[in-house]
Amino acid sequence: MRLRNIPGSREAIAKNCWCIQEPEKLKGKWSAVFQNNHPIHIEIGMGKGKFLMTLAKQNPQINYIGIEKYSSVLLRGLQKLEEEPLENLRFIRMEAEMICDVFDKEEVDKIYLNFSDPWPKDRHAKRRLTSCQFFSRYNIILKKEGTIEFKTDNVDLFNFSLEEIKKSNWHLDSFTRDLHKDSIMKQGNIMTEYEERFSSIGNPICKLIVSRKNNKEKIL
């Protein structure tokens, strides 16, 4: 269960230099934030930031942006970043639905979705980050050759995601229903806080990688 209420968390975030304020003003201008033209990778629902911080350390030639809607969770990530600053990493507090207001057409090179809220009720299906509605948003901000990586321990959400990929006319590059036992897909895997917790109690981790179908057809 995510922490959702730490008194003063929003005020602390507003003063933090690693968290972008008014990100919509930077649409199409993210290279200016990092002062370079390196590729931009984003994680939607970054939690406490362990995953992105690990990637940012390993890949200084890539710029990373973490998006999290819960202030109390984001604050934990910012505290970690203050202890170990990374110039190629920034955070944003916002709702995922706003990504097209914050990123310009084809401005993002890669999207990570890790252990997203499953929104189990049918009436909330469009809120799931792997719904057709979100794939339409990704289709705008992601570069034509870009990819999306998704991990979850929720089998129902994973099955839903596979169906939505078909409906959205995206290409399923690869997938597994047990990541840690897949010799190919587990290579270079970085575990999130949730992944460590779920796998430690025996939950198999599902993962998929998708790209645009029309790009694959052109290659073929």
C-alpha atoms as a PDB file:
ATOM      1  CA  MET A   1       0.000   0.000   0.000  1.00  0.00           C
ATOM      2  CA  ARG A   2       1.463   3.332  -1.013  1.00  0.00           C
ATOM      3  CA  LEU A   3       1.968   6.132   1.482  1.00  0.00           C
ATOM      4  CA  ARG A   4      -0.363   8.948   0.544  1.00  0.00           C
ATOM      5  CA  ASN A   5      -0.179  11.518   3.312  1.00  0.00           C
ATOM      6  CA  ILE A   6       2.970  12.959   4.816  1.00  0.00           C
ATOM      7  CA  PRO A   7       2.273  16.426   6.232  1.00  0.00           C
ATOM      8  CA  GLY A   8       4.181  19.082   4.320  1.00  0.00           C
ATOM      9  CA  SER A   9       5.151  16.774   1.450  1.00  0.00           C
ATOM     10  CA  ARG A  10       3.705  19.031  -1.249  1.00  0.00           C
ATOM     11  CA  GLU A  11       5.455  22.074   0.154  1.00  0.00           C
ATOM     12  CA  ALA A  12       8.755  20.192   0.305  1.00  0.00           C
ATOM     13  CA  ILE A  13       8.353  19.016  -3.291  1.00  0.00           C
ATOM     14  CA  ALA A  14       7.591  22.553  -4.474  1.00  0.00           C
ATOM     15  CA  LYS A  15      10.920  23.748  -3.079  1.00  0.00           C
ATOM     16  CA  ASN A  16      13.013  20.850  -4.373  1.00  0.00           C
ATOM     17  CA  CYS A  17      15.342  21.590  -7.297  1.00  0.00           C
ATOM     18  CA  TRP A  18      15.159  18.008  -8.591  1.00  0.00           C
ATOM     19  CA  CYS A  19      11.391  18.166  -9.051  1.00  0.00           C
ATOM     20  CA  ILE A  20      10.180  20.117 -12.067  1.00  0.00           C
ATOM     21  CA  GLN A  21       7.561  22.744 -11.314  1.00  0.00           C
ATOM     22  CA  GLU A  22       5.073  23.671 -14.083  1.00  0.00           C
ATOM     23  CA  PRO A  23       6.371  20.937 -16.432  1.00  0.00           C
ATOM     24  CA  GLU A  24       3.853  21.883 -19.122  1.00  0.00           C
ATOM     25  CA  LYS A  25       6.000  24.950 -19.832  1.00  0.00           C
ATOM     26  CA  LEU A  26       8.838  22.631 -20.863  1.00  0.00           C
ATOM     27  CA  LYS A  27       6.905  20.767 -23.536  1.00  0.00           C
ATOM     28  CA  GLY A  28       9.274  20.373 -26.479  1.00  0.00           C
ATOM     29  CA  LYS A  29      12.108  21.938 -24.463  1.00  0.00           C
ATOM     30  CA  TRP A  30      13.328  19.131 -22.210  1.00  0.00           C
ATOM     31  CA  SER A  31      16.792  19.205 -23.753  1.00  0.00           C
ATOM     32  CA  ALA A  32      17.202  22.644 -22.143  1.00  0.00           C
ATOM     33  CA  VAL A  33      16.571  21.179 -18.690  1.00  0.00           C
ATOM     34  CA  PHE A  34      19.391  18.671 -19.072  1.00  0.00           C
ATOM     35  CA  GLN A  35      21.495  20.987 -21.276  1.00  0.00           C
ATOM     36  CA  ASN A  36      22.088  18.269 -23.853  1.00  0.00           C
ATOM     37  CA  ASN A  37      20.286  16.370 -26.612  1.00  0.00           C
ATOM     38  CA  HIS A  38      20.531  12.913 -25.068  1.00  0.00           C
ATOM     39  CA  PRO A  39      17.588  10.499 -25.408  1.00  0.00           C
ATOM     40  CA  ILE A  40      14.759  10.896 -22.909  1.00  0.00           C
ATOM     41  CA  HIS A  41      13.367   7.881 -21.054  1.00  0.00           C
ATOM     42  CA  ILE A  42      10.419   8.260 -18.686  1.00  0.00           C
ATOM     43  CA  GLU A  43       8.868   6.094 -16.004  1.00  0.00           C
ATOM     44  CA  ILE A  44       5.190   6.641 -15.298  1.00  0.00           C
ATOM     45  CA  GLY A  45       4.419   5.711 -11.699  1.00  0.00           C
ATOM     46  CA  MET A  46       8.011   5.787 -10.452  1.00  0.00           C
ATOM     47  CA  GLY A  47       7.259   5.064  -6.801  1.00  0.00           C
ATOM     48  CA  LYS A  48      10.230   5.849  -4.584  1.00  0.00           C
ATOM     49  CA  GLY A  49      12.606   6.104  -7.545  1.00  0.00           C
ATOM     50  CA  LYS A  50      14.971   3.156  -7.034  1.00  0.00           C
ATOM     51  CA  PHE A  51      14.493   1.844 -10.585  1.00  0.00           C
ATOM     52  CA  LEU A  52      15.213   5.150 -12.324  1.00  0.00           C
ATOM     53  CA  MET A  53      18.088   6.063 -10.050  1.00  0.00           C
ATOM     54  CA  THR A  54      19.789   2.776 -10.877  1.00  0.00           C
ATOM     55  CA  LEU A  55      19.283   3.339 -14.601  1.00  0.00           C
ATOM     56  CA  ALA A  56      20.524   6.935 -14.386  1.00  0.00           C
ATOM     57  CA  LYS A  57      23.727   5.804 -12.674  1.00  0.00           C
ATOM     58  CA  GLN A  58      24.338   3.104 -15.275  1.00  0.00           C
ATOM     59  CA  ASN A  59      23.517   5.274 -18.296  1.00  0.00           C
ATOM     60  CA  PRO A  60      24.796   8.850 -17.991  1.00  0.00           C
ATOM     61  CA  GLN A  61      24.222   9.296 -21.738  1.00  0.00           C
ATOM     62  CA  ILE A  62      20.445   9.036 -21.228  1.00  0.00           C
ATOM     63  CA  ASN A  63      18.144  11.564 -19.529  1.00  0.00           C
ATOM     64  CA  TYR A  64      15.505  10.127 -17.212  1.00  0.00           C
ATOM     65  CA  ILE A  65      12.260  11.634 -15.964  1.00  0.00           C
ATOM     66  CA  GLY A  66      10.175   9.993 -13.261  1.00  0.00           C
ATOM     67  CA  ILE A  67       6.460  10.742 -12.968  1.00  0.00           C
ATOM     68  CA  GLU A  68       4.557  10.106  -9.732  1.00  0.00           C
ATOM     69  CA  LYS A  69       1.175  11.420  -8.600  1.00  0.00           C
ATOM     70  CA  TYR A  70       1.474  10.722  -4.873  1.00  0.00           C
ATOM     71  CA  SER A  71       3.388  13.477  -3.074  1.00  0.00           C
ATOM     72  CA  SER A  72       4.360  11.334  -0.102  1.00  0.00           C
ATOM     73  CA  VAL A  73       5.878   8.667  -2.355  1.00  0.00           C
ATOM     74  CA  LEU A  74       7.649  11.175  -4.583  1.00  0.00           C
ATOM     75  CA  LEU A  75       9.148  12.845  -1.533  1.00  0.00           C
ATOM     76  CA  ARG A  76      10.970   9.607  -0.698  1.00  0.00           C
ATOM     77  CA  GLY A  77      12.522   9.587  -4.150  1.00  0.00           C
ATOM     78  CA  LEU A  78      13.592  13.206  -3.846  1.00  0.00           C
ATOM     79  CA  GLN A  79      15.222  12.532  -0.500  1.00  0.00           C
ATOM     80  CA  LYS A  80      17.268   9.754  -2.100  1.00  0.00           C
ATOM     81  CA  LEU A  81      18.238  12.015  -4.998  1.00  0.00           C
ATOM     82  CA  GLU A  82      19.363  14.744  -2.628  1.00  0.00           C
ATOM     83  CA  GLU A  83      21.678  12.244  -0.943  1.00  0.00           C
ATOM     84  CA  GLU A  84      23.087  11.088  -4.268  1.00  0.00           C
ATOM     85  CA  PRO A  85      22.478  13.749  -6.989  1.00  0.00           C
ATOM     86  CA  LEU A  86      22.226  12.622 -10.606  1.00  0.00           C
ATOM     87  CA  GLU A  87      22.317  15.333 -13.262  1.00  0.00           C
ATOM     88  CA  ASN A  88      20.520  13.131 -15.810  1.00  0.00           C
ATOM     89  CA  LEU A  89      17.460  12.550 -13.625  1.00  0.00           C
ATOM     90  CA  ARG A  90      14.437  14.723 -12.782  1.00  0.00           C
ATOM     91  CA  PHE A  91      11.052  14.046 -11.185  1.00  0.00           C
ATOM     92  CA  ILE A  92       7.551  15.387 -11.836  1.00  0.00           C
ATOM     93  CA  ARG A  93       4.494  15.221  -9.591  1.00  0.00           C
ATOM     94  CA  MET A  94       1.469  14.897 -11.839  1.00  0.00           C
ATOM     95  CA  GLU A  95      -1.307  12.642 -13.079  1.00  0.00           C
ATOM     96  CA  ALA A  96      -0.331  10.284 -15.913  1.00  0.00           C
ATOM     97  CA  GLU A  97      -3.193  11.594 -18.053  1.00  0.00           C
ATOM     98  CA  MET A  98      -1.253  14.866 -18.475  1.00  0.00           C
ATOM     99  CA  ILE A  99       1.712  13.410 -20.390  1.00  0.00           C
ATOM    100  CA  CYS A 100       0.671  14.940 -23.705  1.00  0.00           C
ATOM    101  CA  ASP A 101       0.572  18.361 -22.041  1.00  0.00           C
ATOM    102  CA  VAL A 102       4.128  17.910 -20.810  1.00  0.00           C
ATOM    103  CA  PHE A 103       5.900  16.104 -23.664  1.00  0.00           C
ATOM    104  CA  ASP A 104       5.829  17.133 -27.309  1.00  0.00           C
ATOM    105  CA  LYS A 105       5.257  14.876 -30.293  1.00  0.00           C
ATOM    106  CA  GLU A 106       7.991  12.216 -30.481  1.00  0.00           C
ATOM    107  CA  GLU A 107       9.967  13.818 -27.656  1.00  0.00           C
ATOM    108  CA  VAL A 108      10.332  10.607 -25.615  1.00  0.00           C
ATOM    109  CA  ASP A 109      12.537   7.662 -26.612  1.00  0.00           C
ATOM    110  CA  LYS A 110      11.346   5.042 -24.123  1.00  0.00           C
ATOM    111  CA  ILE A 111       8.582   4.544 -21.564  1.00  0.00           C
ATOM    112  CA  TYR A 112       8.707   2.323 -18.476  1.00  0.00           C
ATOM    113  CA  LEU A 113       5.565   1.154 -16.685  1.00  0.00           C
ATOM    114  CA  ASN A 114       6.367  -0.760 -13.514  1.00  0.00           C
ATOM    115  CA  PHE A 115       3.745  -2.340 -11.247  1.00  0.00           C
ATOM    116  CA  SER A 116       1.064   0.119 -12.243  1.00  0.00           C
ATOM    117  CA  ASP A 117      -2.204   0.469 -10.346  1.00  0.00           C
ATOM    118  CA  PRO A 118      -4.436  -2.332 -11.767  1.00  0.00           C
ATOM    119  CA  TRP A 119      -7.683  -0.364 -11.325  1.00  0.00           C
ATOM    120  CA  PRO A 120      -9.567  -3.682 -10.957  1.00  0.00           C
ATOM    121  CA  LYS A 121     -13.103  -2.391 -11.519  1.00  0.00           C
ATOM    122  CA  ASP A 122     -14.253  -2.571 -15.145  1.00  0.00           C
ATOM    123  CA  ARG A 123     -15.546   0.985 -15.117  1.00  0.00           C
ATOM    124  CA  HIS A 124     -12.003   2.190 -14.379  1.00  0.00           C
ATOM    125  CA  ALA A 125     -10.348   0.255 -17.229  1.00  0.00           C
ATOM    126  CA  LYS A 126      -9.459   3.411 -19.175  1.00  0.00           C
ATOM    127  CA  ARG A 127      -7.327   4.563 -16.230  1.00  0.00           C
ATOM    128  CA  ARG A 128      -4.995   1.584 -16.540  1.00  0.00           C
ATOM    129  CA  LEU A 129      -1.656   2.655 -17.985  1.00  0.00           C
ATOM    130  CA  THR A 130      -1.838  -0.114 -20.595  1.00  0.00           C
ATOM    131  CA  SER A 131      -5.336   0.760 -21.826  1.00  0.00           C
ATOM    132  CA  CYS A 132      -6.071   1.777 -25.407  1.00  0.00           C
ATOM    133  CA  GLN A 133      -6.590   5.319 -24.152  1.00  0.00           C
ATOM    134  CA  PHE A 134      -3.050   5.461 -22.817  1.00  0.00           C
ATOM    135  CA  PHE A 135      -1.557   3.795 -25.880  1.00  0.00           C
ATOM    136  CA  SER A 136      -3.096   6.642 -27.876  1.00  0.00           C
ATOM    137  CA  ARG A 137      -1.218   9.092 -25.672  1.00  0.00           C
ATOM    138  CA  TYR A 138       2.024   7.138 -25.965  1.00  0.00           C
ATOM    139  CA  ASN A 139       1.609   7.138 -29.719  1.00  0.00           C
ATOM    140  CA  ILE A 140       1.922  10.927 -29.644  1.00  0.00           C
ATOM    141  CA  ILE A 141       4.880  11.483 -27.314  1.00  0.00           C
ATOM    142  CA  LEU A 142       6.969   8.404 -28.179  1.00  0.00           C
ATOM    143  CA  LYS A 143       9.397   8.452 -31.079  1.00  0.00           C
ATOM    144  CA  LYS A 144       8.494   6.191 -34.002  1.00  0.00           C
ATOM    145  CA  GLU A 145      11.251   3.739 -33.118  1.00  0.00           C
ATOM    146  CA  GLY A 146      10.558   3.999 -29.378  1.00  0.00           C
ATOM    147  CA  THR A 147       9.506   1.157 -27.076  1.00  0.00           C
ATOM    148  CA  ILE A 148       7.444   0.604 -23.944  1.00  0.00           C
ATOM    149  CA  GLU A 149       8.415  -1.853 -21.204  1.00  0.00           C
ATOM    150  CA  PHE A 150       5.808  -3.021 -18.707  1.00  0.00           C
ATOM    151  CA  LYS A 151       6.194  -5.192 -15.595  1.00  0.00           C
ATOM    152  CA  THR A 152       3.534  -6.408 -13.162  1.00  0.00           C
ATOM    153  CA  ASP A 153       2.720  -9.283 -10.839  1.00  0.00           C
ATOM    154  CA  ASN A 154      -1.001  -8.846 -11.538  1.00  0.00           C
ATOM    155  CA  VAL A 155      -2.006 -11.574 -14.005  1.00  0.00           C
ATOM    156  CA  ASP A 156      -5.391 -10.032 -14.792  1.00  0.00           C
ATOM    157  CA  LEU A 157      -3.772  -6.707 -15.630  1.00  0.00           C
ATOM    158  CA  PHE A 158      -1.163  -8.454 -17.759  1.00  0.00           C
ATOM    159  CA  ASN A 159      -3.836 -10.336 -19.732  1.00  0.00           C
ATOM    160  CA  PHE A 160      -5.773  -7.104 -20.166  1.00  0.00           C
ATOM    161  CA  SER A 161      -2.605  -5.402 -21.426  1.00  0.00           C
ATOM    162  CA  LEU A 162      -1.981  -8.086 -24.054  1.00  0.00           C
ATOM    163  CA  GLU A 163      -5.504  -7.571 -25.403  1.00  0.00           C
ATOM    164  CA  GLU A 164      -5.185  -3.791 -25.414  1.00  0.00           C
ATOM    165  CA  ILE A 165      -1.929  -4.032 -27.384  1.00  0.00           C
ATOM    166  CA  LYS A 166      -3.795  -5.896 -30.120  1.00  0.00           C
ATOM    167  CA  LYS A 167      -6.659  -3.403 -30.118  1.00  0.00           C
ATOM    168  CA  SER A 168      -4.221  -0.493 -30.262  1.00  0.00           C
ATOM    169  CA  ASN A 169      -2.397  -2.029 -33.227  1.00  0.00           C
ATOM    170  CA  TRP A 170       0.978  -2.062 -31.480  1.00  0.00           C
ATOM    171  CA  HIS A 171       3.590  -4.808 -31.913  1.00  0.00           C
ATOM    172  CA  LEU A 172       4.319  -7.218 -29.055  1.00  0.00           C
ATOM    173  CA  ASP A 173       8.101  -7.548 -29.320  1.00  0.00           C
ATOM    174  CA  SER A 174       8.507 -10.001 -26.440  1.00  0.00           C
ATOM    175  CA  PHE A 175       6.816 -11.120 -23.242  1.00  0.00           C
ATOM    176  CA  THR A 176       7.130 -13.535 -20.355  1.00  0.00           C
ATOM    177  CA  ARG A 177       4.899 -14.609 -17.497  1.00  0.00           C
ATOM    178  CA  ASP A 178       7.840 -15.426 -15.235  1.00  0.00           C
ATOM    179  CA  LEU A 179      10.594 -12.870 -15.750  1.00  0.00           C
ATOM    180  CA  HIS A 180      13.032 -14.196 -13.181  1.00  0.00           C
ATOM    181  CA  LYS A 181      13.010 -17.641 -14.801  1.00  0.00           C
ATOM    182  CA  ASP A 182      13.317 -16.302 -18.361  1.00  0.00           C
ATOM    183  CA  SER A 183      17.010 -16.530 -19.239  1.00  0.00           C
ATOM    184  CA  ILE A 184      16.741 -13.961 -22.027  1.00  0.00           C
ATOM    185  CA  MET A 185      14.360 -11.331 -20.691  1.00  0.00           C
ATOM    186  CA  LYS A 186      15.852 -11.260 -17.192  1.00  0.00           C
ATOM    187  CA  GLN A 187      19.231 -10.130 -18.531  1.00  0.00           C
ATOM    188  CA  GLY A 188      20.009  -6.686 -17.166  1.00  0.00           C
ATOM    189  CA  ASN A 189      16.738  -6.598 -15.231  1.00  0.00           C
ATOM    190  CA  ILE A 190      16.575  -3.915 -12.542  1.00  0.00           C
ATOM    191  CA  MET A 191      14.130  -4.662  -9.776  1.00  0.00           C
ATOM    192  CA  THR A 192      11.840  -2.010  -8.353  1.00  0.00           C
ATOM    193  CA  GLU A 193      10.883  -1.894  -4.681  1.00  0.00           C
ATOM    194  CA  TYR A 194       7.606  -3.626  -5.541  1.00  0.00           C
ATOM    195  CA  GLU A 195       9.320  -6.280  -7.629  1.00  0.00           C
ATOM    196  CA  GLU A 196      11.629  -7.182  -4.752  1.00  0.00           C
ATOM    197  CA  ARG A 197       8.662  -7.452  -2.416  1.00  0.00           C
ATOM    198  CA  PHE A 198       6.418  -9.460  -4.716  1.00  0.00           C
ATOM    199  CA  SER A 199       9.089 -11.848  -5.952  1.00  0.00           C
ATOM    200  CA  SER A 200      10.270 -12.495  -2.379  1.00  0.00           C
ATOM    201  CA  ILE A 201       6.852 -13.986  -1.555  1.00  0.00           C
ATOM    202  CA  GLY A 202       6.830 -16.150  -4.675  1.00  0.00           C
ATOM    203  CA  ASN A 203       4.802 -14.015  -7.073  1.00  0.00           C
ATOM    204  CA  PRO A 204       5.973 -14.531 -10.684  1.00  0.00           C
ATOM    205  CA  ILE A 205       6.707 -11.253 -12.467  1.00  0.00           C
ATOM    206  CA  CYS A 206       5.198 -10.669 -15.907  1.00  0.00           C
ATOM    207  CA  LYS A 207       6.924  -8.439 -18.443  1.00  0.00           C
ATOM    208  CA  LEU A 208       6.269  -7.290 -21.991  1.00  0.00           C
ATOM    209  CA  ILE A 209       7.963  -4.997 -24.483  1.00  0.00           C
ATOM    210  CA  VAL A 210       6.007  -3.306 -27.264  1.00  0.00           C
ATOM    211  CA  SER A 211       6.657  -1.017 -30.209  1.00  0.00           C
ATOM    212  CA  ARG A 212       4.614   0.347 -33.079  1.00  0.00           C
ATOM    213  CA  LYS A 213       3.306  -2.281 -35.460  1.00  0.00           C
ATOM    214  CA  ASN A 214       3.727  -0.119 -38.569  1.00  0.00           C
ATOM    215  CA  ASN A 215       7.453   0.186 -37.868  1.00  0.00           C
ATOM    216  CA  LYS A 216       7.822  -3.592 -37.734  1.00  0.00           C
ATOM    217  CA  GLU A 217       5.899  -3.977 -40.988  1.00  0.00           C
ATOM    218  CA  LYS A 218       8.205  -1.512 -42.728  1.00  0.00           C
ATOM    219  CA  ILE A 219      11.261  -3.438 -41.530  1.00  0.00           C
ATOM    220  CA  LEU A 220       9.811  -6.713 -42.769  1.00  0.00           C
END
